[in-house]
Amino acid sequence: MQEIVKDIDRWRTAGKAVAVARVVDVEGSGPRLPGAAMAVSEDGEVAGSVSGGCVEGAVVTEALEILAGGDRRIVTFGYSDDEAFAVGLTCGGTIHLFIEPLDW
């Protein structure tokens, strides 16, 4: 989380809405361990990483949906998940992310 705090603070100061995604569980081989975090501002700026790049685009989409009025949620990407495979999650494992809006 510390690697994204400066960006979150900058976005907060600018009055932007922000969502945070955190790795909460990994089954098998995963690109990042639980605790890895990524923040997304309402205009699509990204700080941090939850997968080393392989599912970040899909996570940004989920985060922006949450910021547009959706509920916080757990999102899962795994090797057998067509979307995850299409965006590059080929490590053979499954990652579970919790994505929520920050409430100032």
N, C-alpha and C. Protein backbone atom coordinates (compact mmCIF):
# COMPACT_ATOMS: atom_id res chain seq x y z
N MET A 1 0.81 -1.19 0.00
CA MET A 1 0.00 0.00 0.00
C MET A 1 0.85 1.26 0.00
N GLN A 2 2.01 1.24 0.66
CA GLN A 2 2.81 2.46 0.77
C GLN A 2 3.22 3.00 -0.59
N GLU A 3 3.38 2.13 -1.58
CA GLU A 3 3.80 2.60 -2.89
C GLU A 3 2.72 3.41 -3.61
N ILE A 4 1.48 3.32 -3.16
CA ILE A 4 0.40 4.05 -3.84
C ILE A 4 -0.15 5.20 -3.02
N VAL A 5 0.31 5.37 -1.80
CA VAL A 5 -0.23 6.40 -0.91
C VAL A 5 -0.06 7.81 -1.46
N LYS A 6 1.09 8.11 -2.04
CA LYS A 6 1.32 9.46 -2.56
C LYS A 6 0.33 9.79 -3.69
N ASP A 7 0.10 8.82 -4.57
CA ASP A 7 -0.85 9.06 -5.66
C ASP A 7 -2.27 9.21 -5.12
N ILE A 8 -2.65 8.36 -4.17
CA ILE A 8 -3.99 8.47 -3.57
C ILE A 8 -4.16 9.84 -2.93
N ASP A 9 -3.16 10.30 -2.21
CA ASP A 9 -3.24 11.60 -1.56
C ASP A 9 -3.35 12.73 -2.58
N ARG A 10 -2.61 12.62 -3.66
CA ARG A 10 -2.67 13.63 -4.73
C ARG A 10 -4.07 13.68 -5.34
N TRP A 11 -4.64 12.49 -5.61
CA TRP A 11 -5.99 12.44 -6.19
C TRP A 11 -7.02 12.96 -5.21
N ARG A 12 -6.87 12.62 -3.92
CA ARG A 12 -7.79 13.09 -2.89
C ARG A 12 -7.76 14.61 -2.81
N THR A 13 -6.56 15.18 -2.83
CA THR A 13 -6.39 16.63 -2.78
C THR A 13 -7.06 17.30 -3.98
N ALA A 14 -7.04 16.63 -5.13
CA ALA A 14 -7.67 17.16 -6.34
C ALA A 14 -9.17 16.89 -6.37
N GLY A 15 -9.71 16.22 -5.34
CA GLY A 15 -11.14 15.96 -5.27
C GLY A 15 -11.62 14.81 -6.13
N LYS A 16 -10.72 13.94 -6.54
CA LYS A 16 -11.09 12.81 -7.41
C LYS A 16 -11.54 11.61 -6.59
N ALA A 17 -12.49 10.86 -7.14
CA ALA A 17 -12.89 9.59 -6.54
C ALA A 17 -11.83 8.55 -6.87
N VAL A 18 -11.62 7.62 -5.93
CA VAL A 18 -10.57 6.61 -6.08
C VAL A 18 -11.11 5.26 -5.62
N ALA A 19 -10.75 4.22 -6.35
CA ALA A 19 -11.04 2.84 -5.93
C ALA A 19 -9.71 2.14 -5.69
N VAL A 20 -9.71 1.21 -4.74
CA VAL A 20 -8.52 0.43 -4.44
C VAL A 20 -8.83 -1.04 -4.63
N ALA A 21 -7.92 -1.73 -5.32
CA ALA A 21 -8.02 -3.19 -5.50
C ALA A 21 -6.88 -3.82 -4.71
N ARG A 22 -7.21 -4.88 -3.96
CA ARG A 22 -6.19 -5.58 -3.17
C ARG A 22 -6.26 -7.07 -3.46
N VAL A 23 -5.11 -7.70 -3.59
CA VAL A 23 -5.07 -9.16 -3.69
C VAL A 23 -5.41 -9.69 -2.31
N VAL A 24 -6.47 -10.51 -2.22
CA VAL A 24 -6.87 -11.07 -0.93
C VAL A 24 -6.60 -12.57 -0.83
N ASP A 25 -6.38 -13.22 -1.98
CA ASP A 25 -6.08 -14.65 -1.96
C ASP A 25 -5.48 -15.06 -3.30
N VAL A 26 -4.61 -16.05 -3.25
CA VAL A 26 -4.01 -16.62 -4.46
C VAL A 26 -4.11 -18.13 -4.34
N GLU A 27 -4.58 -18.77 -5.39
CA GLU A 27 -4.62 -20.23 -5.43
C GLU A 27 -3.62 -20.67 -6.48
N GLY A 28 -2.73 -21.57 -6.12
CA GLY A 28 -1.70 -22.01 -7.05
C GLY A 28 -0.67 -20.91 -7.24
N SER A 29 -0.16 -20.81 -8.45
CA SER A 29 0.85 -19.81 -8.77
C SER A 29 0.18 -18.49 -9.13
N GLY A 30 0.64 -17.41 -8.53
CA GLY A 30 0.07 -16.10 -8.83
C GLY A 30 1.16 -15.08 -9.03
N PRO A 31 0.87 -14.02 -9.77
CA PRO A 31 1.88 -13.01 -10.05
C PRO A 31 2.24 -12.13 -8.86
N ARG A 32 1.29 -11.88 -7.94
CA ARG A 32 1.55 -11.04 -6.76
C ARG A 32 0.90 -11.72 -5.56
N LEU A 33 1.46 -11.49 -4.40
CA LEU A 33 0.98 -12.10 -3.16
C LEU A 33 -0.16 -11.29 -2.55
N PRO A 34 -0.95 -11.91 -1.66
CA PRO A 34 -1.98 -11.15 -0.95
C PRO A 34 -1.37 -9.91 -0.30
N GLY A 35 -2.13 -8.83 -0.37
CA GLY A 35 -1.66 -7.55 0.14
C GLY A 35 -1.24 -6.59 -0.97
N ALA A 36 -0.89 -7.13 -2.14
CA ALA A 36 -0.54 -6.26 -3.26
C ALA A 36 -1.75 -5.38 -3.57
N ALA A 37 -1.51 -4.11 -3.89
CA ALA A 37 -2.61 -3.18 -4.08
C ALA A 37 -2.40 -2.29 -5.30
N MET A 38 -3.53 -1.84 -5.83
CA MET A 38 -3.54 -0.94 -6.96
C MET A 38 -4.67 0.06 -6.74
N ALA A 39 -4.43 1.33 -7.02
CA ALA A 39 -5.45 2.36 -6.92
C ALA A 39 -5.77 2.88 -8.31
N VAL A 40 -7.03 3.24 -8.51
CA VAL A 40 -7.49 3.77 -9.79
C VAL A 40 -8.30 5.03 -9.52
N SER A 41 -7.93 6.13 -10.16
CA SER A 41 -8.69 7.37 -10.01
C SER A 41 -9.87 7.36 -10.97
N GLU A 42 -10.81 8.26 -10.74
CA GLU A 42 -12.02 8.32 -11.57
C GLU A 42 -11.72 8.59 -13.04
N ASP A 43 -10.55 9.17 -13.34
CA ASP A 43 -10.22 9.41 -14.74
C ASP A 43 -9.25 8.37 -15.30
N GLY A 44 -9.12 7.24 -14.59
CA GLY A 44 -8.37 6.11 -15.12
C GLY A 44 -6.89 6.09 -14.82
N GLU A 45 -6.40 7.02 -14.00
CA GLU A 45 -4.99 6.95 -13.61
C GLU A 45 -4.80 5.76 -12.69
N VAL A 46 -3.63 5.11 -12.79
CA VAL A 46 -3.37 3.90 -12.02
C VAL A 46 -2.07 4.05 -11.23
N ALA A 47 -2.09 3.54 -10.01
CA ALA A 47 -0.89 3.46 -9.17
C ALA A 47 -0.83 2.07 -8.58
N GLY A 48 0.34 1.47 -8.56
CA GLY A 48 0.52 0.15 -7.99
C GLY A 48 0.19 -0.96 -8.98
N SER A 49 0.19 -2.19 -8.47
CA SER A 49 -0.04 -3.35 -9.33
C SER A 49 -0.58 -4.51 -8.50
N VAL A 50 -1.52 -5.24 -9.08
CA VAL A 50 -2.04 -6.44 -8.42
C VAL A 50 -1.65 -7.71 -9.15
N SER A 51 -1.06 -7.55 -10.34
CA SER A 51 -0.74 -8.76 -11.10
C SER A 51 0.51 -8.63 -11.96
N GLY A 52 1.31 -7.62 -11.73
CA GLY A 52 2.49 -7.45 -12.55
C GLY A 52 2.16 -7.09 -13.98
N GLY A 53 0.94 -6.65 -14.22
CA GLY A 53 0.55 -6.18 -15.55
C GLY A 53 -0.42 -7.06 -16.30
N CYS A 54 -0.59 -8.31 -15.89
CA CYS A 54 -1.36 -9.23 -16.75
C CYS A 54 -2.87 -9.06 -16.66
N VAL A 55 -3.44 -8.57 -15.58
CA VAL A 55 -4.88 -8.34 -15.54
C VAL A 55 -5.24 -6.91 -15.17
N GLU A 56 -4.26 -6.03 -15.13
CA GLU A 56 -4.51 -4.67 -14.70
C GLU A 56 -5.61 -3.98 -15.51
N GLY A 57 -5.65 -4.16 -16.80
CA GLY A 57 -6.68 -3.52 -17.63
C GLY A 57 -8.08 -3.92 -17.21
N ALA A 58 -8.27 -5.20 -16.93
CA ALA A 58 -9.58 -5.68 -16.48
C ALA A 58 -9.90 -5.13 -15.09
N VAL A 59 -8.90 -4.99 -14.24
CA VAL A 59 -9.11 -4.44 -12.90
C VAL A 59 -9.49 -2.97 -12.98
N VAL A 60 -8.87 -2.23 -13.88
CA VAL A 60 -9.23 -0.82 -14.07
C VAL A 60 -10.70 -0.71 -14.48
N THR A 61 -11.13 -1.56 -15.40
CA THR A 61 -12.53 -1.56 -15.83
C THR A 61 -13.46 -1.81 -14.65
N GLU A 62 -13.16 -2.80 -13.83
CA GLU A 62 -13.97 -3.11 -12.64
C GLU A 62 -13.99 -1.92 -11.68
N ALA A 63 -12.82 -1.31 -11.44
CA ALA A 63 -12.72 -0.19 -10.51
C ALA A 63 -13.55 1.00 -11.00
N LEU A 64 -13.48 1.29 -12.29
CA LEU A 64 -14.25 2.40 -12.84
C LEU A 64 -15.75 2.14 -12.75
N GLU A 65 -16.18 0.88 -12.91
CA GLU A 65 -17.59 0.54 -12.74
C GLU A 65 -18.04 0.78 -11.30
N ILE A 66 -17.18 0.42 -10.36
CA ILE A 66 -17.50 0.64 -8.95
C ILE A 66 -17.59 2.14 -8.66
N LEU A 67 -16.66 2.92 -9.21
CA LEU A 67 -16.70 4.36 -9.01
C LEU A 67 -17.92 5.01 -9.65
N ALA A 68 -18.46 4.39 -10.68
CA ALA A 68 -19.64 4.92 -11.36
C ALA A 68 -20.94 4.56 -10.62
N GLY A 69 -20.80 3.88 -9.49
CA GLY A 69 -21.99 3.58 -8.69
C GLY A 69 -22.19 2.12 -8.36
N GLY A 70 -21.28 1.28 -8.76
CA GLY A 70 -21.40 -0.13 -8.44
C GLY A 70 -20.98 -0.42 -7.01
N ASP A 71 -21.29 -1.61 -6.54
CA ASP A 71 -20.92 -2.02 -5.19
C ASP A 71 -19.52 -2.60 -5.16
N ARG A 72 -18.87 -2.47 -3.99
CA ARG A 72 -17.57 -3.13 -3.80
C ARG A 72 -17.78 -4.62 -4.05
N ARG A 73 -16.71 -5.28 -4.46
CA ARG A 73 -16.86 -6.70 -4.81
C ARG A 73 -15.54 -7.44 -4.79
N ILE A 74 -15.66 -8.75 -4.74
CA ILE A 74 -14.51 -9.62 -4.95
C ILE A 74 -14.55 -10.07 -6.39
N VAL A 75 -13.43 -9.96 -7.07
CA VAL A 75 -13.29 -10.33 -8.46
C VAL A 75 -12.22 -11.41 -8.55
N THR A 76 -12.47 -12.43 -9.36
CA THR A 76 -11.54 -13.55 -9.48
C THR A 76 -11.06 -13.68 -10.91
N PHE A 77 -9.75 -13.88 -11.06
CA PHE A 77 -9.16 -14.16 -12.36
C PHE A 77 -8.34 -15.44 -12.21
N GLY A 78 -8.54 -16.35 -13.15
CA GLY A 78 -7.78 -17.60 -13.11
C GLY A 78 -7.43 -18.06 -14.50
N TYR A 79 -6.59 -19.05 -14.56
CA TYR A 79 -6.11 -19.56 -15.84
C TYR A 79 -7.24 -20.01 -16.74
N SER A 80 -8.29 -20.59 -16.17
CA SER A 80 -9.40 -21.07 -17.00
C SER A 80 -10.40 -19.97 -17.33
N ASP A 81 -10.25 -18.83 -16.73
CA ASP A 81 -11.12 -17.69 -16.98
C ASP A 81 -10.72 -17.09 -18.34
N ASP A 82 -11.63 -17.12 -19.31
CA ASP A 82 -11.32 -16.64 -20.66
C ASP A 82 -10.79 -15.22 -20.66
N GLU A 83 -11.41 -14.34 -19.86
CA GLU A 83 -10.96 -12.95 -19.83
C GLU A 83 -9.55 -12.85 -19.28
N ALA A 84 -9.28 -13.57 -18.20
CA ALA A 84 -7.94 -13.52 -17.61
C ALA A 84 -6.91 -14.06 -18.58
N PHE A 85 -7.22 -15.15 -19.27
CA PHE A 85 -6.28 -15.70 -20.23
C PHE A 85 -6.04 -14.71 -21.37
N ALA A 86 -7.12 -14.05 -21.80
CA ALA A 86 -7.00 -13.08 -22.90
C ALA A 86 -6.11 -11.91 -22.52
N VAL A 87 -6.12 -11.51 -21.25
CA VAL A 87 -5.29 -10.38 -20.84
C VAL A 87 -3.93 -10.80 -20.33
N GLY A 88 -3.66 -12.11 -20.30
CA GLY A 88 -2.30 -12.54 -20.02
C GLY A 88 -2.03 -13.27 -18.73
N LEU A 89 -3.06 -13.66 -17.97
CA LEU A 89 -2.83 -14.38 -16.71
C LEU A 89 -2.60 -15.85 -17.04
N THR A 90 -1.37 -16.16 -17.39
CA THR A 90 -1.04 -17.52 -17.82
C THR A 90 -0.18 -18.25 -16.80
N CYS A 91 -0.13 -17.74 -15.57
CA CYS A 91 0.74 -18.34 -14.55
C CYS A 91 0.18 -19.65 -14.03
N GLY A 92 -1.06 -19.97 -14.35
CA GLY A 92 -1.64 -21.23 -13.93
C GLY A 92 -2.41 -21.15 -12.64
N GLY A 93 -2.40 -20.03 -11.97
CA GLY A 93 -3.10 -19.89 -10.70
C GLY A 93 -4.35 -19.05 -10.83
N THR A 94 -4.92 -18.75 -9.69
CA THR A 94 -6.13 -17.92 -9.60
C THR A 94 -5.86 -16.83 -8.57
N ILE A 95 -6.25 -15.60 -8.90
CA ILE A 95 -6.12 -14.52 -7.93
C ILE A 95 -7.50 -13.95 -7.62
N HIS A 96 -7.70 -13.61 -6.36
CA HIS A 96 -8.94 -13.02 -5.89
C HIS A 96 -8.62 -11.61 -5.41
N LEU A 97 -9.37 -10.65 -5.92
CA LEU A 97 -9.15 -9.24 -5.59
C LEU A 97 -10.39 -8.67 -4.93
N PHE A 98 -10.20 -7.82 -3.93
CA PHE A 98 -11.29 -7.07 -3.35
C PHE A 98 -11.14 -5.65 -3.84
N ILE A 99 -12.19 -5.13 -4.50
CA ILE A 99 -12.14 -3.78 -5.06
C ILE A 99 -13.22 -2.95 -4.38
N GLU A 100 -12.82 -1.78 -3.88
CA GLU A 100 -13.77 -0.91 -3.18
C GLU A 100 -13.43 0.55 -3.43
N PRO A 101 -14.45 1.42 -3.36
CA PRO A 101 -14.16 2.85 -3.46
C PRO A 101 -13.64 3.34 -2.13
N LEU A 102 -12.75 4.32 -2.17
CA LEU A 102 -12.29 4.96 -0.93
C LEU A 102 -13.32 5.98 -0.52
N ASP A 103 -13.58 6.06 0.76
CA ASP A 103 -14.53 7.03 1.28
C ASP A 103 -13.74 8.07 2.05
N TRP A 104 -13.67 9.28 1.54
CA TRP A 104 -12.89 10.33 2.19
C TRP A 104 -13.57 10.75 3.47
